[in-house]
Amino acid sequence: VLTWKGLGLVALTVLFTSLSTVLGHTIMELQGIEATVNQIGIERALRTIPFWLGFVRIACQAAISEEIIVRGYLFKKFFEKHKILGIVVSGLIFAFLHGPTDLGSWIIYASPGFILAYLYYKTDYLIYPI
């Protein structure tokens, strides 16, 4: 299932996601906002549980669940014949799930949503966006 082409697309995904995050944070800084509401909530929650549990719940459980629901189910079920629309809608849903409250946080969460949806579209395997 894993191919060099797919792994290359993952590398490009990381690059473009990083660039969009920098753009989003720059916009937030210009607005006087230090962190997204989602990030503040995650950091607060991580202070109350052991590191390993936080890693499992946030990095593994949340990421896998989001991909299965947003792309594995919604994208595949409702946008099989309308892939571009599926990329847009699943990207917006992905962003919405992270609770953006301003332009910068919308960029931080919607851009990876679109990029991960495109990665899934190109590879047709959930393992790549996960």
Protein backbone atom coordinates (compact mmCIF):
# COMPACT_ATOMS: atom_id res chain seq x y z
CA VAL A 1 0.00 0.00 0.00
CA LEU A 2 2.83 2.44 0.79
CA THR A 3 4.60 3.71 -2.30
CA TRP A 4 7.41 6.17 -2.93
CA LYS A 5 4.96 8.39 -4.80
CA GLY A 6 2.60 8.38 -1.82
CA LEU A 7 5.43 9.12 0.60
CA GLY A 8 6.57 11.96 -1.65
CA LEU A 9 3.05 13.39 -1.52
CA VAL A 10 3.19 13.12 2.29
CA ALA A 11 6.43 15.12 2.26
CA LEU A 12 4.78 17.82 0.13
CA THR A 13 1.79 17.75 2.48
CA VAL A 14 4.07 18.42 5.45
CA LEU A 15 5.75 21.28 3.59
CA PHE A 16 2.52 23.00 2.49
CA THR A 17 0.87 22.43 5.87
CA SER A 18 3.87 24.00 7.60
CA LEU A 19 3.76 27.01 5.27
CA SER A 20 0.04 27.52 5.86
CA THR A 21 0.56 27.28 9.62
CA VAL A 22 3.26 29.96 9.45
CA LEU A 23 0.91 32.16 7.41
CA GLY A 24 -1.94 31.62 9.88
CA HIS A 25 0.25 32.39 12.89
CA THR A 26 1.60 35.52 11.19
CA ILE A 27 -1.94 36.78 10.63
CA MET A 28 -2.82 35.98 14.25
CA GLU A 29 0.23 37.89 15.50
CA LEU A 30 -0.82 40.91 13.42
CA GLN A 31 -4.21 40.68 15.14
CA GLY A 32 -2.57 40.43 18.58
CA ILE A 33 -3.58 36.78 19.06
CA GLU A 34 -0.96 34.45 20.52
CA ALA A 35 -2.53 31.01 20.06
CA THR A 36 -5.67 29.37 18.70
CA VAL A 37 -8.45 28.56 21.14
CA ASN A 38 -7.99 24.89 20.22
CA GLN A 39 -4.27 25.00 21.03
CA ILE A 40 -4.92 26.68 24.38
CA GLY A 41 -7.45 23.96 25.23
CA ILE A 42 -5.03 21.19 24.25
CA GLU A 43 -2.22 22.68 26.32
CA ARG A 44 -4.54 23.07 29.32
CA ALA A 45 -5.73 19.45 29.02
CA LEU A 46 -2.17 18.13 28.67
CA ARG A 47 -1.22 19.66 32.02
CA THR A 48 -3.68 17.36 33.79
CA ILE A 49 -2.71 13.98 32.33
CA PRO A 50 0.52 11.99 31.87
CA PHE A 51 2.51 12.74 28.70
CA TRP A 52 2.05 9.26 27.21
CA LEU A 53 -1.72 9.44 27.63
CA GLY A 54 -1.82 12.89 26.04
CA PHE A 55 0.21 11.61 23.10
CA VAL A 56 -2.10 8.64 22.58
CA ARG A 57 -5.29 10.70 22.91
CA ILE A 58 -4.24 13.68 20.80
CA ALA A 59 -1.66 12.43 18.32
CA CYS A 60 -3.12 9.01 17.73
CA GLN A 61 -6.77 8.73 18.75
CA ALA A 62 -7.88 12.20 17.63
CA ALA A 63 -5.91 12.18 14.37
CA ILE A 64 -7.07 8.73 13.34
CA SER A 65 -10.69 9.42 14.31
CA GLU A 66 -10.74 12.70 12.38
CA GLU A 67 -9.38 11.08 9.23
CA ILE A 68 -11.76 8.12 9.41
CA ILE A 69 -14.79 10.36 9.92
CA VAL A 70 -13.96 13.35 7.71
CA ARG A 71 -12.25 11.62 4.82
CA GLY A 72 -12.83 7.90 5.17
CA TYR A 73 -16.57 8.29 5.62
CA LEU A 74 -17.83 11.74 4.58
CA PHE A 75 -15.52 12.25 1.61
CA LYS A 76 -15.99 8.72 0.29
CA LYS A 77 -19.72 8.44 1.03
CA PHE A 78 -20.99 11.82 -0.14
CA PHE A 79 -18.44 13.04 -2.68
CA GLU A 80 -17.47 9.97 -4.66
CA LYS A 81 -18.52 11.69 -7.90
CA HIS A 82 -17.63 15.26 -6.88
CA LYS A 83 -14.05 15.04 -5.63
CA ILE A 84 -13.21 18.76 -5.74
CA LEU A 85 -16.34 19.61 -3.76
CA GLY A 86 -15.40 16.80 -1.37
CA ILE A 87 -11.96 18.32 -0.84
CA VAL A 88 -13.50 21.71 -0.05
CA VAL A 89 -16.26 20.42 2.23
CA SER A 90 -14.07 17.96 4.13
CA GLY A 91 -11.42 20.66 4.56
CA LEU A 92 -14.00 23.05 6.01
CA ILE A 93 -15.41 20.36 8.31
CA PHE A 94 -11.89 19.52 9.46
CA ALA A 95 -11.32 23.20 10.28
CA PHE A 96 -14.69 23.54 11.99
CA LEU A 97 -13.89 20.57 14.26
CA HIS A 98 -10.90 22.53 15.58
CA GLY A 99 -12.98 25.57 16.49
CA PRO A 100 -11.34 28.42 14.58
CA THR A 101 -12.28 31.85 15.91
CA ASP A 102 -10.43 34.22 13.58
CA LEU A 103 -8.92 34.38 10.09
CA GLY A 104 -5.52 33.09 11.20
CA SER A 105 -6.93 30.03 12.94
CA TRP A 106 -9.18 29.31 9.95
CA ILE A 107 -6.05 29.26 7.77
CA ILE A 108 -4.20 27.10 10.31
CA TYR A 109 -6.96 24.47 10.34
CA ALA A 110 -8.65 24.71 6.93
CA SER A 111 -5.44 24.59 4.88
CA PRO A 112 -4.32 21.23 6.31
CA GLY A 113 -7.91 20.03 5.91
CA PHE A 114 -7.81 20.81 2.19
CA ILE A 115 -4.28 19.47 1.79
CA LEU A 116 -5.02 16.20 3.63
CA ALA A 117 -8.21 15.76 1.60
CA TYR A 118 -6.21 16.23 -1.60
CA LEU A 119 -3.66 13.69 -0.36
CA TYR A 120 -6.45 11.19 0.27
CA TYR A 121 -7.95 11.95 -3.15
CA LYS A 122 -4.60 11.35 -4.90
CA THR A 123 -3.69 8.16 -3.01
CA ASP A 124 -7.12 6.69 -2.16
CA TYR A 125 -5.62 5.36 1.10
CA LEU A 126 -6.34 6.81 4.55
CA ILE A 127 -2.94 5.75 5.83
CA TYR A 128 -1.30 8.67 4.03
CA PRO A 129 -3.28 11.53 5.61
CA ILE A 130 -3.18 9.79 9.00
